[in-house]
Amino acid sequence: MHDPVPRLPSLLEAVLSVGTDLELRATLQHIVDAAAELTDARYAALDMTDPARDGLKEIRTAERPDLAGPPRPPEPPDLSEPSEPSELVVPIHVDDEVFGDLRLTGKRDAPFTDEDEQLVRVLATQAGIAIGNARLYETARQRERWIEGAAAVTTALLSGESAADALMTVAERARRLAKAEAGVILRPTEDGGMEVVTASTLDDPSDIVGAMIEPGSPVLEQLLGGEAVFIDDSATDPRMTTHVRHRFGPSMMLPLQAGGRLIGTLALPRRRGGRPYTAVERLLATQFASQAALALVHAEAQHSRERLAVYEDRDRIARDLHDLVVQRLFATGMMLESTHRRSAGADDHAHAILGRAVDELQSTVQEVRTAIFALQQPPADAPTTFRGKVLREAAAAAVVLGFQPSTRFTGAVENLLVEPVAGRLLTALRRALAAASRRAGVSRVEITVDATAPLPDGRPGVRLTVFDDGDTGNGRAEGGGSGTTVTWRSPL
């Protein structure tokens, strides 16, 4: 057996080199390269016992061109004499577990010796310590990234984003942290399935959004129960049933759950053939999903509080308008109407002026009452009352017109107008407003819904009138004024 002391400087240099980098892949490469250099091996490789744990595959050294000739194939052993090995395999232990085997072949001009094995075993001991340190460092870095990502998501969600933007923020941040092909949010459907409502991808996500996990899918019970699901290959796993599963490989499906409430599922699929998720990545992603769900719930609660404050303000304004403005206008109108009656026959000019003033005041009262009703409607919700639906059509037209049409209601429209009459009236209103928006010079639009207007044959009816002062081409409108008046009638 040769004395290893003369090669001690090389060993010390190799031992020092394996601890110079804290990144795990780089550390493993240093170990393989140092072993090859130390033993004059042409090839060196590190075969890991559980490569999925660290998300790595076999680490090899590059072919060393200074060692000429290919490795010699092993010759039949000579049983008459002890033989020295042509391949050297030394295990590397990390925390009392076998991390993998350091395998060397192709030693120049001679088989491996006992001295080579001693040197590599010393190197393997130091390598185990370096790998343990690199693992700790890598775990700390990953944890730091995921914590920073969760904090960024919380900050973004509490800054007042809409519900759709909030979900996209979670999906986008999680995709980047997990180095996934896509970040996908699924939400439960009314029929008991789950649907993709948000997707963040580097490509067009349109074919992913809307993908369904139909009721009865094997994975659905776990997802709706708030369980995390880890998949090795989405394309071949029989539990996956979506039409886009063939595009993806390893995947995590994590519950977005807070306070016993399931908001949905965060799915993070990697590309087909991609690196499997490690145990650390699974743990950190699960913790991220829990934090994101909590942030979503808090953001929703904050948004609800802000909406409630808006509703309370609007309700207060509506009460003030009704209690102060409308009552005063109504009282003033009654005084003017009384004066108008007494002035009949005394002064025709003054009588006519008072009559117009009474009419204008009544119109103003109607418009203020309409404004009060609009204030009492939730601004972000689709209105459910007939008045609310008419006001919604007027608001939609205002976007095109550049101003808000005035709207008046006469009669008990909520009680008298039911389907299908209400639906046909709204369709007629929509068409009339669209026609008005296309006319030049429109600066005023008036909408009137009168549920007290009988039909010509005497039957109870409803009349919709939409007037605009735009250019008609002939300058005259129904009633003799300039502009256009569209009238629609229907029996009740």
Protein backbone atom coordinates (compact mmCIF):
# COMPACT_ATOMS: atom_id res chain seq x y z
CA MET A 1 0.00 0.00 0.00
CA HIS A 2 1.36 3.42 -0.93
CA ASP A 3 1.85 6.18 1.60
CA PRO A 4 -0.80 8.90 1.08
CA VAL A 5 1.31 11.61 2.76
CA PRO A 6 3.02 12.82 -0.45
CA ARG A 7 -0.42 13.51 -1.87
CA LEU A 8 -1.61 15.31 1.26
CA PRO A 9 -1.39 18.82 -0.31
CA SER A 10 -3.63 17.66 -3.15
CA LEU A 11 -6.07 16.19 -0.64
CA LEU A 12 -6.16 19.40 1.40
CA GLU A 13 -6.76 21.42 -1.76
CA ALA A 14 -9.59 19.07 -2.75
CA VAL A 15 -11.15 19.21 0.74
CA LEU A 16 -11.05 23.00 0.71
CA SER A 17 -12.53 23.22 -2.80
CA VAL A 18 -15.69 21.29 -1.94
CA GLY A 19 -16.65 23.87 0.71
CA THR A 20 -16.09 27.01 -1.35
CA ASP A 21 -19.65 27.23 -2.67
CA LEU A 22 -22.91 27.20 -0.70
CA GLU A 23 -25.13 26.42 -3.70
CA LEU A 24 -25.92 22.67 -3.67
CA ARG A 25 -25.45 21.88 -7.36
CA ALA A 26 -22.15 23.76 -7.46
CA THR A 27 -20.99 21.97 -4.29
CA LEU A 28 -21.74 18.56 -5.81
CA GLN A 29 -19.89 19.49 -8.98
CA HIS A 30 -16.87 20.56 -6.92
CA ILE A 31 -16.91 17.18 -5.16
CA VAL A 32 -17.00 15.20 -8.41
CA ASP A 33 -14.29 17.31 -10.06
CA ALA A 34 -12.06 17.14 -6.96
CA ALA A 35 -12.37 13.34 -6.77
CA ALA A 36 -11.41 12.98 -10.43
CA GLU A 37 -8.43 15.30 -10.01
CA LEU A 38 -7.27 13.59 -6.83
CA THR A 39 -7.24 10.08 -8.31
CA ASP A 40 -6.34 10.86 -11.94
CA ALA A 41 -9.70 9.37 -12.99
CA ARG A 42 -10.94 10.24 -16.42
CA TYR A 43 -14.61 9.94 -15.42
CA ALA A 44 -16.32 10.71 -12.13
CA ALA A 45 -20.01 10.76 -11.25
CA LEU A 46 -22.19 11.15 -8.20
CA ASP A 47 -25.22 8.86 -8.21
CA MET A 48 -27.75 10.15 -5.65
CA THR A 49 -29.88 7.75 -3.64
CA ASP A 50 -32.91 10.10 -3.72
CA PRO A 51 -32.39 12.71 -6.44
CA ALA A 52 -35.99 13.95 -6.12
CA ARG A 53 -35.31 15.16 -2.58
CA ASP A 54 -33.01 17.90 -3.81
CA GLY A 55 -34.48 18.19 -7.29
CA LEU A 56 -31.22 17.12 -8.91
CA LYS A 57 -30.07 14.41 -11.27
CA GLU A 58 -26.76 12.60 -11.58
CA ILE A 59 -23.75 14.90 -11.38
CA ARG A 60 -20.86 14.05 -13.70
CA THR A 61 -17.45 15.51 -14.38
CA ALA A 62 -16.56 16.56 -17.89
CA GLU A 63 -14.23 14.27 -19.83
CA ARG A 64 -10.66 15.15 -18.93
CA PRO A 65 -8.75 15.61 -22.22
CA ASP A 66 -5.35 15.45 -20.48
CA LEU A 67 -5.90 11.75 -19.88
CA ALA A 68 -5.54 10.21 -23.31
CA GLY A 69 -7.48 7.24 -24.52
CA PRO A 70 -10.87 5.88 -23.59
CA PRO A 71 -11.32 3.95 -20.36
CA ARG A 72 -10.20 0.37 -20.84
CA PRO A 73 -12.92 -2.23 -20.61
CA PRO A 74 -12.52 -4.48 -17.59
CA GLU A 75 -10.48 -7.60 -18.26
CA PRO A 76 -11.40 -11.03 -16.90
CA PRO A 77 -10.00 -11.29 -13.38
CA ASP A 78 -6.92 -13.36 -12.78
CA LEU A 79 -7.98 -15.56 -9.89
CA SER A 80 -4.39 -16.66 -9.22
CA GLU A 81 -3.43 -13.16 -7.96
CA PRO A 82 -5.27 -10.47 -6.01
CA SER A 83 -6.50 -7.81 -8.47
CA GLU A 84 -6.82 -4.05 -8.02
CA PRO A 85 -10.11 -2.40 -9.03
CA SER A 86 -10.67 -0.56 -12.32
CA GLU A 87 -13.63 1.28 -10.75
CA LEU A 88 -13.79 2.97 -7.39
CA VAL A 89 -17.11 3.49 -5.58
CA VAL A 90 -17.26 5.36 -2.26
CA PRO A 91 -20.50 6.24 -0.46
CA ILE A 92 -21.18 9.77 0.83
CA HIS A 93 -23.11 10.05 4.08
CA VAL A 94 -25.10 13.12 5.14
CA ASP A 95 -26.59 13.06 8.65
CA ASP A 96 -26.24 9.30 8.98
CA GLU A 97 -27.97 8.71 5.65
CA VAL A 98 -26.44 7.60 2.37
CA PHE A 99 -26.64 10.63 0.08
CA GLY A 100 -25.18 8.78 -2.88
CA ASP A 101 -22.19 6.99 -4.35
CA LEU A 102 -19.10 8.70 -5.71
CA ARG A 103 -18.06 6.55 -8.68
CA LEU A 104 -14.74 6.91 -10.52
CA THR A 105 -13.49 5.05 -13.61
CA GLY A 106 -10.74 5.30 -16.22
CA LYS A 107 -7.66 5.83 -14.05
CA ARG A 108 -4.62 6.66 -16.18
CA ASP A 109 -2.29 3.72 -16.88
CA ALA A 110 -3.24 1.77 -13.76
CA PRO A 111 -6.12 0.49 -11.65
CA PHE A 112 -7.23 2.33 -8.51
CA THR A 113 -5.19 1.67 -5.40
CA ASP A 114 -5.91 1.49 -1.68
CA GLU A 115 -4.30 4.90 -1.42
CA ASP A 116 -6.85 6.29 -3.92
CA GLU A 117 -9.66 4.81 -1.86
CA GLN A 118 -8.33 6.31 1.37
CA LEU A 119 -8.05 9.75 -0.22
CA VAL A 120 -11.55 9.58 -1.70
CA ARG A 121 -13.03 8.41 1.63
CA VAL A 122 -11.50 11.44 3.37
CA LEU A 123 -12.90 13.61 0.60
CA ALA A 124 -16.32 11.90 0.94
CA THR A 125 -16.38 12.68 4.68
CA GLN A 126 -15.79 16.35 4.01
CA ALA A 127 -18.24 16.23 1.12
CA GLY A 128 -20.99 15.01 3.47
CA ILE A 129 -20.44 18.05 5.70
CA ALA A 130 -20.39 20.40 2.70
CA ILE A 131 -23.58 18.89 1.28
CA GLY A 132 -25.35 19.25 4.64
CA ASN A 133 -24.32 22.91 4.81
CA ALA A 134 -25.40 23.52 1.21
CA ARG A 135 -28.76 21.91 1.93
CA LEU A 136 -29.30 24.16 4.93
CA TYR A 137 -28.30 27.22 2.91
CA GLU A 138 -30.54 26.27 0.00
CA THR A 139 -33.49 25.62 2.31
CA ALA A 140 -32.94 28.98 4.01
CA ARG A 141 -32.80 30.76 0.66
CA GLN A 142 -35.95 29.07 -0.57
CA ARG A 143 -37.77 29.83 2.68
CA GLU A 144 -36.68 33.47 2.45
CA ARG A 145 -37.94 33.75 -1.15
CA TRP A 146 -41.32 32.21 -0.32
CA ILE A 147 -41.74 34.39 2.79
CA GLU A 148 -40.89 37.51 0.79
CA GLY A 149 -43.33 36.37 -1.90
CA ALA A 150 -46.12 35.84 0.63
CA ALA A 151 -45.46 39.28 2.13
CA ALA A 152 -45.55 40.90 -1.32
CA VAL A 153 -48.85 39.17 -2.09
CA THR A 154 -50.35 40.31 1.22
CA THR A 155 -49.27 43.90 0.57
CA ALA A 156 -50.67 43.84 -2.95
CA LEU A 157 -53.99 42.32 -1.89
CA LEU A 158 -54.52 44.80 0.93
CA SER A 159 -53.83 47.75 -1.39
CA GLY A 160 -57.36 47.54 -2.79
CA GLU A 161 -57.10 45.27 -5.84
CA SER A 162 -60.25 43.89 -7.40
CA ALA A 163 -61.14 40.24 -6.79
CA ALA A 164 -59.92 39.17 -10.25
CA ASP A 165 -56.65 41.11 -9.90
CA ALA A 166 -56.10 39.61 -6.42
CA LEU A 167 -56.35 36.05 -7.73
CA MET A 168 -53.99 36.86 -10.61
CA THR A 169 -51.49 38.32 -8.13
CA VAL A 170 -51.49 35.06 -6.15
CA ALA A 171 -51.20 32.90 -9.30
CA GLU A 172 -48.41 34.99 -10.84
CA ARG A 173 -46.28 35.22 -7.70
CA ALA A 174 -46.65 31.50 -6.90
CA ARG A 175 -45.70 30.53 -10.48
CA ARG A 176 -42.46 32.48 -10.25
CA LEU A 177 -41.55 31.23 -6.79
CA ALA A 178 -42.17 27.59 -7.74
CA LYS A 179 -40.47 27.98 -11.14
CA ALA A 180 -43.60 26.41 -12.59
CA GLU A 181 -44.93 26.49 -16.12
CA ALA A 182 -48.23 27.95 -14.92
CA GLY A 183 -49.93 29.33 -11.83
CA VAL A 184 -53.61 28.38 -11.84
CA ILE A 185 -56.53 29.21 -9.54
CA LEU A 186 -59.52 26.84 -9.51
CA ARG A 187 -62.80 27.60 -7.76
CA PRO A 188 -65.76 25.34 -6.92
CA THR A 189 -68.71 25.39 -9.32
CA GLU A 190 -72.40 25.15 -8.51
CA ASP A 191 -72.64 21.61 -9.91
CA GLY A 192 -69.92 20.32 -7.56
CA GLY A 193 -66.92 20.52 -9.90
CA MET A 194 -64.03 22.97 -10.09
CA GLU A 195 -63.19 25.47 -12.82
CA VAL A 196 -60.01 27.34 -13.71
CA VAL A 197 -60.85 31.02 -13.21
CA THR A 198 -57.34 32.53 -13.34
CA ALA A 199 -54.12 31.41 -15.03
CA SER A 200 -50.65 32.94 -15.18
CA THR A 201 -48.43 31.52 -17.92
CA LEU A 202 -45.65 32.69 -20.20
CA ASP A 203 -47.89 31.78 -23.12
CA ASP A 204 -51.52 32.60 -23.90
CA PRO A 205 -53.57 31.33 -20.92
CA SER A 206 -56.90 31.40 -22.77
CA ASP A 207 -56.99 27.62 -23.34
CA ILE A 208 -56.40 27.03 -19.62
CA VAL A 209 -58.99 29.45 -18.20
CA GLY A 210 -62.35 27.71 -18.20
CA ALA A 211 -60.90 24.19 -17.98
CA MET A 212 -63.10 22.04 -15.77
CA ILE A 213 -62.60 19.24 -13.29
CA GLU A 214 -65.93 17.54 -13.66
CA PRO A 215 -67.90 16.13 -10.71
CA GLY A 216 -66.86 12.55 -10.05
CA SER A 217 -63.17 13.11 -10.78
CA PRO A 218 -60.98 11.06 -8.39
CA VAL A 219 -59.00 14.13 -7.35
CA LEU A 220 -62.03 16.34 -6.79
CA GLU A 221 -63.02 14.96 -3.38
CA GLN A 222 -59.55 15.78 -2.04
CA LEU A 223 -59.55 19.30 -3.49
CA LEU A 224 -63.03 20.17 -2.24
CA GLY A 225 -62.07 18.73 1.13
CA GLY A 226 -59.18 21.20 1.35
CA GLU A 227 -56.41 18.61 0.92
CA ALA A 228 -53.14 19.20 -0.90
CA VAL A 229 -52.53 16.93 -3.90
CA PHE A 230 -49.06 16.26 -5.30
CA ILE A 231 -48.74 14.75 -8.77
CA ASP A 232 -45.62 13.28 -10.38
CA ASP A 233 -46.85 13.59 -13.98
CA SER A 234 -50.09 15.39 -14.85
CA ALA A 235 -50.13 13.92 -18.36
CA THR A 236 -50.28 10.31 -17.19
CA ASP A 237 -51.90 10.53 -13.74
CA PRO A 238 -55.40 8.98 -14.05
CA ARG A 239 -56.77 11.43 -11.47
CA MET A 240 -56.24 14.36 -13.86
CA THR A 241 -59.11 14.89 -16.30
CA THR A 242 -58.71 18.42 -17.72
CA HIS A 243 -58.11 18.83 -21.44
CA VAL A 244 -54.77 20.63 -20.82
CA ARG A 245 -53.20 17.94 -18.60
CA HIS A 246 -51.01 16.58 -21.44
CA ARG A 247 -48.97 19.84 -21.40
CA PHE A 248 -47.73 19.43 -17.85
CA GLY A 249 -45.61 17.14 -15.70
CA PRO A 250 -45.03 17.45 -11.93
CA SER A 251 -47.70 19.51 -10.20
CA MET A 252 -48.86 20.73 -6.80
CA MET A 253 -52.54 21.44 -6.08
CA LEU A 254 -52.79 23.38 -2.84
CA PRO A 255 -55.90 24.48 -0.92
CA LEU A 256 -56.59 28.20 -0.58
CA GLN A 257 -58.30 27.85 2.77
CA ALA A 258 -58.67 30.21 5.73
CA GLY A 259 -60.87 30.01 8.79
CA GLY A 260 -62.49 26.81 7.59
CA ARG A 261 -63.55 28.47 4.33
CA LEU A 262 -62.30 27.01 1.03
CA ILE A 263 -61.71 29.81 -1.46
CA GLY A 264 -60.31 27.56 -4.15
CA THR A 265 -57.20 25.64 -5.19
CA LEU A 266 -53.79 26.91 -6.30
CA ALA A 267 -52.25 24.59 -8.92
CA LEU A 268 -48.58 24.89 -9.90
CA PRO A 269 -47.77 22.52 -12.78
CA ARG A 270 -44.30 22.29 -14.28
CA ARG A 271 -43.65 21.49 -17.91
CA ARG A 272 -43.74 17.91 -19.16
CA GLY A 273 -40.54 16.16 -18.08
CA GLY A 274 -39.71 18.94 -15.63
CA ARG A 275 -37.92 18.55 -12.33
CA PRO A 276 -40.05 17.00 -9.57
CA TYR A 277 -40.94 19.16 -6.58
CA THR A 278 -38.85 18.52 -3.49
CA ALA A 279 -40.26 17.98 -0.01
CA VAL A 280 -39.05 21.46 0.99
CA GLU A 281 -40.73 23.07 -2.03
CA ARG A 282 -43.98 21.28 -1.25
CA LEU A 283 -43.91 22.47 2.36
CA LEU A 284 -43.08 26.09 1.47
CA ALA A 285 -45.70 26.24 -1.29
CA THR A 286 -48.35 24.86 1.07
CA GLN A 287 -47.48 27.52 3.65
CA PHE A 288 -47.59 30.19 0.92
CA ALA A 289 -51.07 29.04 -0.15
CA SER A 290 -52.33 29.28 3.45
CA GLN A 291 -50.91 32.79 3.82
CA ALA A 292 -52.33 33.86 0.44
CA ALA A 293 -55.78 32.53 1.37
CA LEU A 294 -55.70 34.48 4.63
CA ALA A 295 -54.69 37.63 2.72
CA LEU A 296 -57.52 37.07 0.23
CA VAL A 297 -60.04 36.79 3.06
CA HIS A 298 -58.70 39.93 4.77
CA ALA A 299 -58.68 41.83 1.47
CA GLU A 300 -62.27 40.80 0.82
CA ALA A 301 -63.27 41.89 4.33
CA GLN A 302 -61.50 45.21 3.85
CA HIS A 303 -63.21 45.71 0.51
CA SER A 304 -66.56 44.90 2.12
CA ARG A 305 -65.93 47.46 4.86
CA GLU A 306 -65.06 50.09 2.27
CA ARG A 307 -68.17 49.25 0.27
CA LEU A 308 -70.27 49.44 3.43
CA ALA A 309 -68.84 52.89 4.15
CA VAL A 310 -69.76 53.96 0.62
CA TYR A 311 -73.28 52.56 1.01
CA GLU A 312 -73.71 54.35 4.32
CA ASP A 313 -72.58 57.62 2.73
CA ARG A 314 -74.90 57.14 -0.20
CA ASP A 315 -77.78 56.25 2.10
CA ARG A 316 -77.15 59.37 4.18
CA ILE A 317 -77.10 61.53 1.04
CA ALA A 318 -80.29 59.90 -0.17
CA ARG A 319 -82.02 60.55 3.19
CA ASP A 320 -80.87 64.17 3.17
CA LEU A 321 -82.14 64.63 -0.37
CA HIS A 322 -85.48 63.09 0.50
CA ASP A 323 -85.96 64.77 3.88
CA LEU A 324 -84.73 68.23 2.91
CA VAL A 325 -84.56 68.85 -0.83
CA VAL A 326 -87.59 66.88 -2.04
CA GLN A 327 -89.84 68.08 0.77
CA ARG A 328 -88.92 71.72 0.15
CA LEU A 329 -89.34 71.35 -3.60
CA PHE A 330 -92.68 69.66 -3.05
CA ALA A 331 -93.85 72.45 -0.71
CA THR A 332 -92.67 75.14 -3.14
CA GLY A 333 -94.46 73.36 -5.97
CA MET A 334 -97.72 73.32 -4.01
CA MET A 335 -97.44 77.06 -3.34
CA LEU A 336 -96.74 77.78 -6.99
CA GLU A 337 -99.63 75.56 -8.09
CA SER A 338 -101.99 77.38 -5.72
CA THR A 339 -100.80 80.75 -7.04
CA HIS A 340 -101.17 79.45 -10.57
CA ARG A 341 -104.82 78.57 -10.00
CA ARG A 342 -105.58 81.95 -8.41
CA SER A 343 -103.89 83.82 -11.25
CA ALA A 344 -106.14 82.26 -13.90
CA GLY A 345 -107.78 85.04 -15.93
CA ALA A 346 -105.87 87.87 -14.21
CA ASP A 347 -102.70 87.96 -16.26
CA ASP A 348 -102.33 85.41 -19.07
CA HIS A 349 -98.60 85.95 -19.35
CA ALA A 350 -97.96 85.52 -15.63
CA HIS A 351 -100.32 82.55 -15.58
CA ALA A 352 -98.34 80.83 -18.35
CA ILE A 353 -95.02 81.50 -16.61
CA LEU A 354 -96.33 80.02 -13.37
CA GLY A 355 -97.61 76.99 -15.27
CA ARG A 356 -94.19 76.33 -16.78
CA ALA A 357 -92.56 76.81 -13.39
CA VAL A 358 -94.90 74.24 -11.84
CA ASP A 359 -94.13 71.74 -14.64
CA GLU A 360 -90.36 72.26 -14.29
CA LEU A 361 -90.55 71.84 -10.53
CA GLN A 362 -92.50 68.60 -10.86
CA SER A 363 -89.90 67.30 -13.33
CA THR A 364 -87.13 68.28 -10.94
CA VAL A 365 -88.83 66.40 -8.09
CA GLN A 366 -89.06 63.31 -10.32
CA GLU A 367 -85.38 63.50 -11.24
CA VAL A 368 -84.28 64.00 -7.63
CA ARG A 369 -86.34 60.97 -6.60
CA THR A 370 -84.68 58.96 -9.37
CA ALA A 371 -81.26 60.10 -8.11
CA ILE A 372 -82.22 59.03 -4.59
CA PHE A 373 -83.17 55.58 -5.86
CA ALA A 374 -79.89 55.31 -7.79
CA LEU A 375 -77.92 56.19 -4.66
CA GLN A 376 -79.59 53.35 -2.81
CA GLN A 377 -78.42 50.78 -5.41
CA PRO A 378 -75.16 48.84 -4.80
CA PRO A 379 -72.82 50.43 -7.37
CA ALA A 380 -70.90 47.27 -8.22
CA ASP A 381 -73.78 44.81 -8.23
CA ALA A 382 -76.19 44.11 -11.03
CA PRO A 383 -79.54 45.71 -10.10
CA THR A 384 -82.43 43.36 -9.48
CA THR A 385 -85.30 45.89 -9.54
CA PHE A 386 -86.84 47.20 -12.73
CA ARG A 387 -85.93 50.78 -11.87
CA GLY A 388 -82.37 49.69 -11.24
CA LYS A 389 -82.16 47.95 -14.62
CA VAL A 390 -83.40 51.09 -16.40
CA LEU A 391 -80.82 53.16 -14.54
CA ARG A 392 -78.13 50.65 -15.51
CA GLU A 393 -79.00 51.08 -19.20
CA ALA A 394 -78.85 54.86 -18.76
CA ALA A 395 -75.45 54.59 -17.05
CA ALA A 396 -74.13 52.37 -19.85
CA ALA A 397 -75.29 54.91 -22.44
CA ALA A 398 -73.60 57.71 -20.47
CA VAL A 399 -70.21 56.14 -21.21
CA VAL A 400 -70.78 56.66 -24.94
CA LEU A 401 -72.76 59.91 -24.75
CA GLY A 402 -70.41 61.62 -22.34
CA PHE A 403 -73.23 62.72 -20.03
CA GLN A 404 -75.92 61.08 -17.91
CA PRO A 405 -79.42 60.85 -19.45
CA SER A 406 -82.24 62.08 -17.20
CA THR A 407 -84.72 59.38 -16.16
CA ARG A 408 -88.30 59.70 -14.89
CA PHE A 409 -90.76 57.08 -13.69
CA THR A 410 -94.51 57.53 -13.40
CA GLY A 411 -96.76 55.03 -11.66
CA ALA A 412 -96.00 51.86 -9.72
CA VAL A 413 -93.51 50.52 -12.25
CA GLU A 414 -92.07 47.91 -9.87
CA ASN A 415 -95.46 46.30 -9.26
CA LEU A 416 -96.99 46.72 -12.72
CA LEU A 417 -94.09 45.81 -15.01
CA VAL A 418 -93.31 42.11 -14.99
CA GLU A 419 -91.76 39.74 -17.50
CA PRO A 420 -91.90 39.55 -20.44
CA VAL A 421 -93.05 43.18 -20.75
CA ALA A 422 -90.17 44.48 -18.63
CA GLY A 423 -87.62 42.64 -20.77
CA ARG A 424 -89.09 43.98 -24.03
CA LEU A 425 -89.12 47.53 -22.64
CA LEU A 426 -85.45 47.28 -21.68
CA THR A 427 -84.60 46.00 -25.17
CA ALA A 428 -86.47 48.93 -26.73
CA LEU A 429 -84.69 51.35 -24.38
CA ARG A 430 -81.31 49.89 -25.26
CA ARG A 431 -81.98 50.31 -28.99
CA ALA A 432 -83.26 53.87 -28.59
CA LEU A 433 -80.21 54.90 -26.55
CA ALA A 434 -77.88 53.28 -29.10
CA ALA A 435 -79.59 55.23 -31.90
CA ALA A 436 -79.33 58.47 -29.92
CA SER A 437 -75.61 57.94 -29.31
CA ARG A 438 -75.05 57.71 -33.08
CA ARG A 439 -76.71 61.06 -33.84
CA ALA A 440 -74.62 64.21 -34.09
CA GLY A 441 -75.00 67.07 -31.66
CA VAL A 442 -76.71 65.18 -28.86
CA SER A 443 -76.38 67.09 -25.56
CA ARG A 444 -79.56 65.99 -23.78
CA VAL A 445 -81.39 62.66 -23.49
CA GLU A 446 -84.60 62.19 -21.51
CA ILE A 447 -86.01 58.78 -20.59
CA THR A 448 -89.59 58.50 -19.35
CA VAL A 449 -91.29 55.29 -18.24
CA ASP A 450 -95.01 55.84 -17.64
CA ALA A 451 -96.96 52.90 -16.20
CA THR A 452 -100.19 54.96 -16.09
CA ALA A 453 -100.49 55.59 -19.85
CA PRO A 454 -103.46 53.59 -21.30
CA LEU A 455 -103.33 52.20 -24.81
CA PRO A 456 -105.49 53.77 -27.53
CA ASP A 457 -108.07 50.99 -27.04
CA GLY A 458 -108.32 51.83 -23.32
CA ARG A 459 -106.38 48.85 -21.95
CA PRO A 460 -103.84 49.50 -19.18
CA GLY A 461 -100.43 50.00 -20.70
CA VAL A 462 -96.90 51.26 -20.26
CA ARG A 463 -95.21 53.87 -22.43
CA LEU A 464 -91.49 54.38 -22.88
CA THR A 465 -90.36 57.70 -24.31
CA VAL A 466 -86.75 58.47 -25.20
CA PHE A 467 -86.03 62.00 -26.38
CA ASP A 468 -82.71 63.38 -27.60
CA ASP A 469 -81.87 66.81 -29.02
CA GLY A 470 -79.51 65.54 -31.70
CA ASP A 471 -79.54 66.43 -35.39
CA THR A 472 -82.30 64.52 -37.20
CA GLY A 473 -81.63 65.86 -40.68
CA ASN A 474 -84.99 67.64 -40.88
CA GLY A 475 -84.66 69.59 -37.65
CA ARG A 476 -88.10 68.61 -36.36
CA ALA A 477 -89.17 65.99 -33.85
CA GLU A 478 -92.40 64.50 -32.67
CA GLY A 479 -94.30 67.24 -30.80
CA GLY A 480 -92.91 70.02 -32.99
CA GLY A 481 -89.54 70.48 -31.20
CA SER A 482 -86.07 69.88 -32.55
CA GLY A 483 -84.55 66.46 -31.89
CA THR A 484 -85.89 62.91 -31.93
CA THR A 485 -88.50 61.21 -29.77
CA VAL A 486 -88.83 57.42 -29.78
CA THR A 487 -92.01 56.02 -28.25
CA TRP A 488 -92.71 52.38 -27.36
CA ARG A 489 -95.96 51.05 -25.90
CA SER A 490 -97.14 47.73 -24.55
CA PRO A 491 -100.16 46.40 -22.64
CA LEU A 492 -99.50 45.52 -19.03
